[in-house]
Amino acid sequence: MAVAMAENKMLNAALRTMQVIFAIIVLGTDGYAIHAYRGYSTWRTTFTGDTVYVHYGVPDAWGFLLFCAAWTILVVIFQLIAGNAFADHALISYIPVAVEVVAVLSWFAGWIAVAVNIGNKACPEGYKSCEALKAATVFGAVEWLLFMVTAILAIKLILNSKRRPKSSTTRPTADI
């Protein structure tokens, strides 16, 4: 038996609450990692043969994960406001589903991109900011799973909505 979001408001509230809590945790841990990170410097040889001293700052993936956490709070607010208000409208009902899918994809890209940075030059072992980044990555992966659940439930809600005809609109015996 499929559980639809409209039928189980308690499940919807619990999932949305967990999404906001984990987004706040990712905001805190990733924000701390970005704040504590000092970057690294190295000597690089250019294509002309010159040697330059280059400083690398915070990787872009870390900022993207921070964006995903802030975006999640806006998504949850939108989903709570939109809720079932658009369920009976033809094209507008797909907007909450599209928002869910974008959130799923952004969280997937975010935690994978940050996980790639763990253990390399951008985040070597021993940095205290890397421990916070590992926690942000784990919570980002859990956040992605939460959005997978809510996206699947939202898609099921749209596919099973009452606005779609359940029977054929053609006559069984058409004049030939």
N, C-alpha and C. Protein backbone atom coordinates (compact mmCIF):
# COMPACT_ATOMS: atom_id res chain seq x y z
N MET A 1 0.85 -1.18 0.00
CA MET A 1 0.00 0.00 0.00
C MET A 1 0.89 1.24 0.00
N ALA A 2 0.74 2.06 -0.99
CA ALA A 2 1.54 3.27 -1.11
C ALA A 2 1.01 4.35 -0.17
N VAL A 3 1.94 5.04 0.46
CA VAL A 3 1.58 6.11 1.36
C VAL A 3 1.77 7.42 0.62
N ALA A 4 0.72 8.17 0.43
CA ALA A 4 0.79 9.46 -0.25
C ALA A 4 0.98 10.56 0.79
N MET A 5 1.66 11.63 0.38
CA MET A 5 1.92 12.74 1.29
C MET A 5 0.62 13.38 1.75
N ALA A 6 -0.37 13.45 0.89
CA ALA A 6 -1.63 14.08 1.26
C ALA A 6 -2.38 13.24 2.28
N GLU A 7 -2.21 11.94 2.22
CA GLU A 7 -2.93 11.06 3.13
C GLU A 7 -2.28 11.00 4.49
N ASN A 8 -1.00 11.22 4.59
CA ASN A 8 -0.30 11.09 5.85
C ASN A 8 0.44 12.38 6.18
N LYS A 9 -0.24 13.30 6.80
CA LYS A 9 0.35 14.61 7.12
C LYS A 9 1.45 14.49 8.17
N MET A 10 1.34 13.48 9.05
CA MET A 10 2.36 13.30 10.09
C MET A 10 3.70 12.89 9.46
N LEU A 11 3.66 12.01 8.46
CA LEU A 11 4.88 11.60 7.77
C LEU A 11 5.49 12.79 7.04
N ASN A 12 4.67 13.58 6.38
CA ASN A 12 5.15 14.77 5.68
C ASN A 12 5.82 15.74 6.66
N ALA A 13 5.18 15.99 7.79
CA ALA A 13 5.74 16.91 8.77
C ALA A 13 7.05 16.38 9.35
N ALA A 14 7.12 15.08 9.60
CA ALA A 14 8.34 14.50 10.15
C ALA A 14 9.49 14.57 9.15
N LEU A 15 9.21 14.25 7.90
CA LEU A 15 10.27 14.32 6.87
C LEU A 15 10.75 15.75 6.65
N ARG A 16 9.81 16.69 6.59
CA ARG A 16 10.20 18.09 6.39
C ARG A 16 10.98 18.62 7.59
N THR A 17 10.59 18.22 8.80
CA THR A 17 11.33 18.65 9.99
C THR A 17 12.75 18.10 9.98
N MET A 18 12.89 16.84 9.61
CA MET A 18 14.24 16.25 9.53
C MET A 18 15.07 16.93 8.45
N GLN A 19 14.44 17.30 7.34
CA GLN A 19 15.17 18.00 6.29
C GLN A 19 15.69 19.35 6.79
N VAL A 20 14.88 20.07 7.52
CA VAL A 20 15.32 21.37 8.05
C VAL A 20 16.41 21.19 9.10
N ILE A 21 16.26 20.21 9.98
CA ILE A 21 17.27 19.98 11.02
C ILE A 21 18.60 19.60 10.40
N PHE A 22 18.58 18.69 9.43
CA PHE A 22 19.84 18.29 8.80
C PHE A 22 20.42 19.43 7.97
N ALA A 23 19.59 20.26 7.38
CA ALA A 23 20.10 21.42 6.64
C ALA A 23 20.80 22.39 7.59
N ILE A 24 20.24 22.58 8.76
CA ILE A 24 20.89 23.46 9.75
C ILE A 24 22.21 22.87 10.21
N ILE A 25 22.26 21.55 10.39
CA ILE A 25 23.51 20.90 10.77
C ILE A 25 24.56 21.07 9.68
N VAL A 26 24.15 20.89 8.43
CA VAL A 26 25.09 21.08 7.31
C VAL A 26 25.52 22.54 7.23
N LEU A 27 24.61 23.47 7.44
CA LEU A 27 24.99 24.89 7.46
C LEU A 27 26.07 25.14 8.51
N GLY A 28 25.89 24.59 9.69
CA GLY A 28 26.85 24.80 10.77
C GLY A 28 28.19 24.15 10.52
N THR A 29 28.18 22.87 10.15
CA THR A 29 29.44 22.15 9.97
C THR A 29 30.20 22.61 8.74
N ASP A 30 29.50 22.81 7.64
CA ASP A 30 30.17 23.28 6.43
C ASP A 30 30.61 24.73 6.58
N GLY A 31 29.79 25.54 7.23
CA GLY A 31 30.18 26.93 7.49
C GLY A 31 31.42 27.01 8.35
N TYR A 32 31.50 26.14 9.36
CA TYR A 32 32.69 26.10 10.21
C TYR A 32 33.91 25.65 9.41
N ALA A 33 33.73 24.62 8.56
CA ALA A 33 34.85 24.12 7.76
C ALA A 33 35.37 25.22 6.82
N ILE A 34 34.45 25.96 6.22
CA ILE A 34 34.86 27.06 5.34
C ILE A 34 35.57 28.14 6.14
N HIS A 35 35.06 28.45 7.31
CA HIS A 35 35.66 29.49 8.15
C HIS A 35 37.05 29.09 8.63
N ALA A 36 37.22 27.84 9.05
CA ALA A 36 38.48 27.39 9.63
C ALA A 36 39.53 27.05 8.58
N TYR A 37 39.12 26.88 7.34
CA TYR A 37 40.05 26.49 6.29
C TYR A 37 40.94 27.65 5.92
N ARG A 38 42.21 27.38 5.84
CA ARG A 38 43.16 28.44 5.51
C ARG A 38 43.74 28.29 4.11
N GLY A 39 43.37 27.23 3.41
CA GLY A 39 43.89 27.02 2.07
C GLY A 39 45.29 26.46 2.09
N TYR A 40 45.88 26.34 0.95
CA TYR A 40 47.25 25.88 0.87
C TYR A 40 47.93 26.61 -0.28
N SER A 41 49.24 26.67 -0.18
CA SER A 41 50.03 27.36 -1.19
C SER A 41 51.05 26.38 -1.77
N THR A 42 51.40 26.62 -3.00
CA THR A 42 52.37 25.75 -3.66
C THR A 42 53.06 26.51 -4.79
N TRP A 43 54.21 26.01 -5.18
CA TRP A 43 54.91 26.56 -6.33
C TRP A 43 54.42 25.82 -7.58
N ARG A 44 54.02 26.57 -8.61
CA ARG A 44 53.53 25.98 -9.86
C ARG A 44 54.40 26.48 -11.01
N THR A 45 54.59 25.63 -11.96
CA THR A 45 55.31 26.02 -13.17
C THR A 45 54.28 26.27 -14.26
N THR A 46 54.35 27.45 -14.86
CA THR A 46 53.41 27.81 -15.91
C THR A 46 53.86 27.20 -17.23
N PHE A 47 53.01 27.35 -18.26
CA PHE A 47 53.35 26.79 -19.57
C PHE A 47 54.51 27.53 -20.23
N THR A 48 54.81 28.73 -19.73
CA THR A 48 55.95 29.47 -20.29
C THR A 48 57.25 29.12 -19.59
N GLY A 49 57.17 28.30 -18.53
CA GLY A 49 58.38 27.91 -17.82
C GLY A 49 58.64 28.71 -16.55
N ASP A 50 57.81 29.73 -16.29
CA ASP A 50 57.98 30.52 -15.08
C ASP A 50 57.45 29.75 -13.87
N THR A 51 58.05 29.97 -12.72
CA THR A 51 57.59 29.36 -11.49
C THR A 51 56.90 30.44 -10.66
N VAL A 52 55.66 30.17 -10.27
CA VAL A 52 54.89 31.14 -9.49
C VAL A 52 54.41 30.49 -8.21
N TYR A 53 54.20 31.32 -7.21
CA TYR A 53 53.69 30.87 -5.92
C TYR A 53 52.18 31.10 -5.92
N VAL A 54 51.41 30.04 -5.82
CA VAL A 54 49.96 30.11 -5.95
C VAL A 54 49.31 29.69 -4.63
N HIS A 55 48.30 30.47 -4.23
CA HIS A 55 47.52 30.12 -3.03
C HIS A 55 46.13 29.66 -3.47
N TYR A 56 45.72 28.51 -2.97
CA TYR A 56 44.40 27.97 -3.27
C TYR A 56 43.50 28.15 -2.06
N GLY A 57 42.35 28.75 -2.28
CA GLY A 57 41.40 28.99 -1.20
C GLY A 57 40.41 27.85 -1.04
N VAL A 58 39.26 28.18 -0.51
CA VAL A 58 38.22 27.20 -0.25
C VAL A 58 37.72 26.63 -1.57
N PRO A 59 37.62 25.31 -1.68
CA PRO A 59 37.08 24.72 -2.91
C PRO A 59 35.63 25.11 -3.14
N ASP A 60 35.26 25.22 -4.39
CA ASP A 60 33.90 25.64 -4.75
C ASP A 60 32.84 24.64 -4.26
N ALA A 61 33.19 23.38 -4.18
CA ALA A 61 32.22 22.36 -3.76
C ALA A 61 31.73 22.62 -2.35
N TRP A 62 32.60 23.14 -1.50
CA TRP A 62 32.20 23.41 -0.12
C TRP A 62 31.14 24.51 -0.08
N GLY A 63 31.33 25.53 -0.88
CA GLY A 63 30.34 26.60 -0.97
C GLY A 63 29.03 26.12 -1.58
N PHE A 64 29.12 25.19 -2.53
CA PHE A 64 27.90 24.64 -3.14
C PHE A 64 27.10 23.84 -2.12
N LEU A 65 27.78 23.09 -1.25
CA LEU A 65 27.06 22.36 -0.21
C LEU A 65 26.38 23.33 0.76
N LEU A 66 27.03 24.44 1.03
CA LEU A 66 26.41 25.47 1.88
C LEU A 66 25.17 26.05 1.19
N PHE A 67 25.26 26.27 -0.12
CA PHE A 67 24.10 26.72 -0.88
C PHE A 67 22.97 25.71 -0.83
N CYS A 68 23.29 24.42 -0.94
CA CYS A 68 22.26 23.38 -0.89
C CYS A 68 21.51 23.42 0.44
N ALA A 69 22.23 23.67 1.52
CA ALA A 69 21.58 23.73 2.83
C ALA A 69 20.64 24.94 2.93
N ALA A 70 21.08 26.07 2.41
CA ALA A 70 20.22 27.26 2.44
C ALA A 70 19.04 27.07 1.50
N TRP A 71 19.27 26.46 0.36
CA TRP A 71 18.21 26.19 -0.61
C TRP A 71 17.17 25.25 0.00
N THR A 72 17.60 24.31 0.82
CA THR A 72 16.68 23.35 1.43
C THR A 72 15.67 24.04 2.32
N ILE A 73 16.09 25.03 3.06
CA ILE A 73 15.16 25.74 3.93
C ILE A 73 14.09 26.43 3.10
N LEU A 74 14.48 27.02 1.97
CA LEU A 74 13.50 27.64 1.08
C LEU A 74 12.58 26.60 0.44
N VAL A 75 13.12 25.45 0.08
CA VAL A 75 12.32 24.38 -0.52
C VAL A 75 11.27 23.88 0.46
N VAL A 76 11.68 23.66 1.69
CA VAL A 76 10.74 23.15 2.70
C VAL A 76 9.64 24.17 2.97
N ILE A 77 9.99 25.43 3.04
CA ILE A 77 8.96 26.46 3.23
C ILE A 77 8.00 26.47 2.05
N PHE A 78 8.53 26.40 0.83
CA PHE A 78 7.68 26.36 -0.35
C PHE A 78 6.78 25.13 -0.34
N GLN A 79 7.34 23.98 -0.01
CA GLN A 79 6.55 22.75 -0.04
C GLN A 79 5.46 22.77 1.03
N LEU A 80 5.73 23.37 2.17
CA LEU A 80 4.70 23.45 3.21
C LEU A 80 3.58 24.41 2.81
N ILE A 81 3.96 25.50 2.13
CA ILE A 81 2.95 26.46 1.67
C ILE A 81 2.18 25.89 0.49
N ALA A 82 2.90 25.33 -0.47
CA ALA A 82 2.25 24.79 -1.67
C ALA A 82 1.43 23.55 -1.32
N GLY A 83 2.05 22.67 -0.51
CA GLY A 83 1.37 21.47 -0.05
C GLY A 83 0.46 20.84 -1.07
N ASN A 84 -0.81 20.83 -0.79
CA ASN A 84 -1.80 20.26 -1.69
C ASN A 84 -2.61 21.33 -2.38
N ALA A 85 -2.18 22.57 -2.28
CA ALA A 85 -2.95 23.65 -2.89
C ALA A 85 -3.01 23.53 -4.41
N PHE A 86 -1.96 22.96 -5.00
CA PHE A 86 -1.89 22.87 -6.44
C PHE A 86 -2.22 21.48 -6.97
N ALA A 87 -2.64 20.57 -6.12
CA ALA A 87 -2.81 19.17 -6.54
C ALA A 87 -3.85 19.00 -7.64
N ASP A 88 -4.86 19.86 -7.71
CA ASP A 88 -5.91 19.67 -8.70
C ASP A 88 -5.71 20.51 -9.96
N HIS A 89 -4.66 21.28 -10.05
CA HIS A 89 -4.41 22.10 -11.23
C HIS A 89 -3.50 21.33 -12.20
N ALA A 90 -3.77 21.49 -13.45
CA ALA A 90 -3.11 20.65 -14.45
C ALA A 90 -1.59 20.83 -14.49
N LEU A 91 -1.10 21.98 -14.90
CA LEU A 91 0.34 22.17 -15.05
C LEU A 91 1.00 22.67 -13.79
N ILE A 92 0.29 23.43 -13.00
CA ILE A 92 0.88 24.01 -11.79
C ILE A 92 1.21 22.92 -10.78
N SER A 93 0.52 21.81 -10.81
CA SER A 93 0.78 20.75 -9.83
C SER A 93 2.15 20.12 -10.01
N TYR A 94 2.78 20.32 -11.15
CA TYR A 94 4.10 19.75 -11.38
C TYR A 94 5.23 20.61 -10.79
N ILE A 95 4.94 21.84 -10.40
CA ILE A 95 5.98 22.72 -9.86
C ILE A 95 6.57 22.18 -8.56
N PRO A 96 5.76 21.74 -7.57
CA PRO A 96 6.37 21.17 -6.36
C PRO A 96 7.21 19.93 -6.65
N VAL A 97 6.81 19.14 -7.62
CA VAL A 97 7.60 17.96 -7.98
C VAL A 97 8.92 18.39 -8.60
N ALA A 98 8.88 19.39 -9.46
CA ALA A 98 10.11 19.90 -10.08
C ALA A 98 11.06 20.46 -9.02
N VAL A 99 10.52 21.15 -8.04
CA VAL A 99 11.35 21.68 -6.96
C VAL A 99 11.99 20.54 -6.18
N GLU A 100 11.23 19.48 -5.91
CA GLU A 100 11.78 18.31 -5.22
C GLU A 100 12.91 17.67 -6.02
N VAL A 101 12.71 17.53 -7.32
CA VAL A 101 13.72 16.89 -8.17
C VAL A 101 14.99 17.74 -8.22
N VAL A 102 14.84 19.04 -8.31
CA VAL A 102 16.02 19.92 -8.31
C VAL A 102 16.76 19.82 -6.97
N ALA A 103 16.02 19.74 -5.89
CA ALA A 103 16.65 19.59 -4.57
C ALA A 103 17.38 18.25 -4.46
N VAL A 104 16.79 17.18 -4.98
CA VAL A 104 17.44 15.88 -4.96
C VAL A 104 18.75 15.93 -5.75
N LEU A 105 18.69 16.48 -6.94
CA LEU A 105 19.89 16.54 -7.77
C LEU A 105 20.97 17.44 -7.17
N SER A 106 20.57 18.56 -6.58
CA SER A 106 21.57 19.46 -6.00
C SER A 106 22.23 18.83 -4.77
N TRP A 107 21.47 18.14 -3.94
CA TRP A 107 22.07 17.47 -2.79
C TRP A 107 23.00 16.34 -3.23
N PHE A 108 22.60 15.61 -4.24
CA PHE A 108 23.46 14.53 -4.73
C PHE A 108 24.78 15.10 -5.25
N ALA A 109 24.69 16.14 -6.06
CA ALA A 109 25.90 16.76 -6.59
C ALA A 109 26.74 17.38 -5.48
N GLY A 110 26.07 17.97 -4.49
CA GLY A 110 26.78 18.64 -3.40
C GLY A 110 27.59 17.70 -2.54
N TRP A 111 26.97 16.63 -2.05
CA TRP A 111 27.73 15.77 -1.14
C TRP A 111 28.76 14.95 -1.87
N ILE A 112 28.50 14.60 -3.14
CA ILE A 112 29.53 13.88 -3.91
C ILE A 112 30.73 14.79 -4.17
N ALA A 113 30.48 16.03 -4.53
CA ALA A 113 31.58 16.96 -4.82
C ALA A 113 32.44 17.22 -3.58
N VAL A 114 31.81 17.31 -2.43
CA VAL A 114 32.57 17.54 -1.20
C VAL A 114 33.31 16.27 -0.79
N ALA A 115 32.69 15.12 -0.98
CA ALA A 115 33.34 13.86 -0.62
C ALA A 115 34.61 13.63 -1.44
N VAL A 116 34.64 14.13 -2.66
CA VAL A 116 35.82 13.99 -3.50
C VAL A 116 36.99 14.78 -2.91
N ASN A 117 36.72 15.89 -2.22
CA ASN A 117 37.77 16.74 -1.66
C ASN A 117 38.40 16.16 -0.39
N ILE A 118 37.73 15.23 0.24
CA ILE A 118 38.24 14.70 1.51
C ILE A 118 39.42 13.77 1.22
N GLY A 119 40.54 14.05 1.88
CA GLY A 119 41.73 13.21 1.73
C GLY A 119 42.72 13.68 0.69
N ASN A 120 42.42 14.75 -0.05
CA ASN A 120 43.38 15.25 -1.03
C ASN A 120 44.01 16.54 -0.52
N LYS A 121 44.68 17.28 -1.38
CA LYS A 121 45.35 18.52 -0.96
C LYS A 121 44.38 19.54 -0.36
N ALA A 122 43.17 19.58 -0.87
CA ALA A 122 42.21 20.57 -0.38
C ALA A 122 41.83 20.29 1.06
N CYS A 123 41.84 19.04 1.46
CA CYS A 123 41.44 18.68 2.82
C CYS A 123 42.29 17.52 3.31
N PRO A 124 43.56 17.76 3.64
CA PRO A 124 44.42 16.67 4.11
C PRO A 124 44.05 16.23 5.52
N GLU A 125 44.45 15.03 5.87
CA GLU A 125 44.18 14.51 7.20
C GLU A 125 44.84 15.41 8.26
N GLY A 126 44.17 15.60 9.35
CA GLY A 126 44.72 16.38 10.44
C GLY A 126 44.16 17.79 10.56
N TYR A 127 43.60 18.33 9.51
CA TYR A 127 42.98 19.65 9.61
C TYR A 127 41.69 19.52 10.40
N LYS A 128 41.48 20.44 11.34
CA LYS A 128 40.25 20.37 12.12
C LYS A 128 39.03 20.72 11.27
N SER A 129 39.22 21.50 10.22
CA SER A 129 38.09 21.81 9.36
C SER A 129 37.66 20.59 8.55
N CYS A 130 38.57 19.65 8.32
CA CYS A 130 38.22 18.46 7.55
C CYS A 130 37.30 17.53 8.34
N GLU A 131 37.44 17.51 9.64
CA GLU A 131 36.53 16.69 10.45
C GLU A 131 35.10 17.23 10.35
N ALA A 132 34.96 18.54 10.40
CA ALA A 132 33.64 19.14 10.23
C ALA A 132 33.12 18.90 8.82
N LEU A 133 34.01 18.90 7.85
CA LEU A 133 33.60 18.66 6.47
C LEU A 133 33.13 17.23 6.27
N LYS A 134 33.76 16.28 6.95
CA LYS A 134 33.30 14.89 6.89
C LYS A 134 31.89 14.76 7.45
N ALA A 135 31.63 15.46 8.56
CA ALA A 135 30.28 15.43 9.14
C ALA A 135 29.28 16.08 8.19
N ALA A 136 29.67 17.18 7.57
CA ALA A 136 28.77 17.84 6.61
C ALA A 136 28.48 16.93 5.43
N THR A 137 29.46 16.17 4.99
CA THR A 137 29.26 15.24 3.88
C THR A 137 28.29 14.14 4.25
N VAL A 138 28.43 13.58 5.44
CA VAL A 138 27.53 12.52 5.89
C VAL A 138 26.11 13.05 6.02
N PHE A 139 25.95 14.20 6.64
CA PHE A 139 24.61 14.76 6.77
C PHE A 139 24.04 15.18 5.41
N GLY A 140 24.90 15.58 4.49
CA GLY A 140 24.45 15.89 3.14
C GLY A 140 23.94 14.65 2.42
N ALA A 141 24.60 13.51 2.64
CA ALA A 141 24.13 12.26 2.03
C ALA A 141 22.79 11.84 2.63
N VAL A 142 22.63 12.02 3.94
CA VAL A 142 21.35 11.69 4.57
C VAL A 142 20.27 12.64 4.07
N GLU A 143 20.61 13.89 3.90
CA GLU A 143 19.66 14.87 3.36
C GLU A 143 19.22 14.48 1.95
N TRP A 144 20.15 14.00 1.15
CA TRP A 144 19.81 13.52 -0.19
C TRP A 144 18.82 12.36 -0.12
N LEU A 145 19.05 11.44 0.81
CA LEU A 145 18.12 10.32 0.97
C LEU A 145 16.74 10.79 1.40
N LEU A 146 16.69 11.77 2.30
CA LEU A 146 15.39 12.31 2.72
C LEU A 146 14.66 12.94 1.55
N PHE A 147 15.38 13.67 0.72
CA PHE A 147 14.75 14.27 -0.45
C PHE A 147 14.36 13.23 -1.48
N MET A 148 15.08 12.12 -1.55
CA MET A 148 14.66 11.03 -2.44
C MET A 148 13.30 10.49 -2.00
N VAL A 149 13.12 10.33 -0.69
CA VAL A 149 11.85 9.82 -0.18
C VAL A 149 10.72 10.80 -0.48
N THR A 150 10.93 12.07 -0.18
CA THR A 150 9.86 13.05 -0.42
C THR A 150 9.60 13.25 -1.91
N ALA A 151 10.62 13.14 -2.74
CA ALA A 151 10.40 13.27 -4.19
C ALA A 151 9.59 12.09 -4.72
N ILE A 152 9.90 10.90 -4.26
CA ILE A 152 9.13 9.73 -4.70
C ILE A 152 7.68 9.84 -4.25
N LEU A 153 7.48 10.29 -3.02
CA LEU A 153 6.11 10.45 -2.53
C LEU A 153 5.37 11.55 -3.29
N ALA A 154 6.06 12.62 -3.65
CA ALA A 154 5.42 13.70 -4.42
C ALA A 154 5.08 13.23 -5.84
N ILE A 155 5.95 12.44 -6.43
CA ILE A 155 5.67 11.92 -7.77
C ILE A 155 4.49 10.96 -7.72
N LYS A 156 4.44 10.12 -6.70
CA LYS A 156 3.30 9.20 -6.55
C LYS A 156 2.00 9.98 -6.36
N LEU A 157 2.07 11.08 -5.62
CA LEU A 157 0.88 11.89 -5.39
C LEU A 157 0.36 12.48 -6.70
N ILE A 158 1.26 12.95 -7.55
CA ILE A 158 0.86 13.52 -8.84
C ILE A 158 0.30 12.43 -9.75
N LEU A 159 0.97 11.29 -9.78
CA LEU A 159 0.51 10.21 -10.66
C LEU A 159 -0.83 9.62 -10.23
N ASN A 160 -1.13 9.67 -8.95
CA ASN A 160 -2.38 9.11 -8.44
C ASN A 160 -3.44 10.16 -8.16
N SER A 161 -3.23 11.39 -8.64
CA SER A 161 -4.18 12.45 -8.33
C SER A 161 -5.51 12.22 -9.04
N LYS A 162 -6.55 12.84 -8.54
CA LYS A 162 -7.91 12.64 -9.05
C LYS A 162 -8.19 13.41 -10.33
N ARG A 163 -7.32 14.31 -10.71
CA ARG A 163 -7.58 15.12 -11.89
C ARG A 163 -7.34 14.33 -13.18
N ARG A 164 -6.70 13.20 -13.09
CA ARG A 164 -6.44 12.39 -14.27
C ARG A 164 -7.62 11.44 -14.48
N PRO A 165 -8.11 11.32 -15.69
CA PRO A 165 -9.23 10.40 -15.92
C PRO A 165 -8.78 8.96 -15.71
N LYS A 166 -9.63 8.19 -15.03
CA LYS A 166 -9.31 6.81 -14.73
C LYS A 166 -9.77 5.86 -15.84
N SER A 167 -10.70 6.31 -16.67
CA SER A 167 -11.20 5.46 -17.74
C SER A 167 -11.02 6.16 -19.09
N SER A 168 -11.21 5.42 -20.12
CA SER A 168 -11.06 5.96 -21.47
C SER A 168 -12.20 6.92 -21.78
N THR A 169 -11.90 7.97 -22.52
CA THR A 169 -12.91 8.94 -22.89
C THR A 169 -13.52 8.65 -24.25
N THR A 170 -13.00 7.63 -24.92
CA THR A 170 -13.56 7.27 -26.23
C THR A 170 -14.72 6.29 -26.04
N ARG A 171 -15.59 6.30 -26.99
CA ARG A 171 -16.72 5.36 -26.92
C ARG A 171 -16.25 3.97 -27.35
N PRO A 172 -16.78 2.95 -26.70
CA PRO A 172 -16.36 1.59 -27.07
C PRO A 172 -16.80 1.19 -28.47
N THR A 173 -17.93 1.69 -28.92
CA THR A 173 -18.40 1.36 -30.27
C THR A 173 -18.47 2.63 -31.09
N ALA A 174 -17.40 2.93 -31.77
CA ALA A 174 -17.35 4.14 -32.58
C ALA A 174 -17.95 3.87 -33.94
N ASP A 175 -18.60 4.88 -34.50
CA ASP A 175 -19.17 4.77 -35.83
C ASP A 175 -18.06 4.72 -36.87
N ILE A 176 -18.17 3.82 -37.78
CA ILE A 176 -17.14 3.70 -38.81
C ILE A 176 -17.69 4.11 -40.14
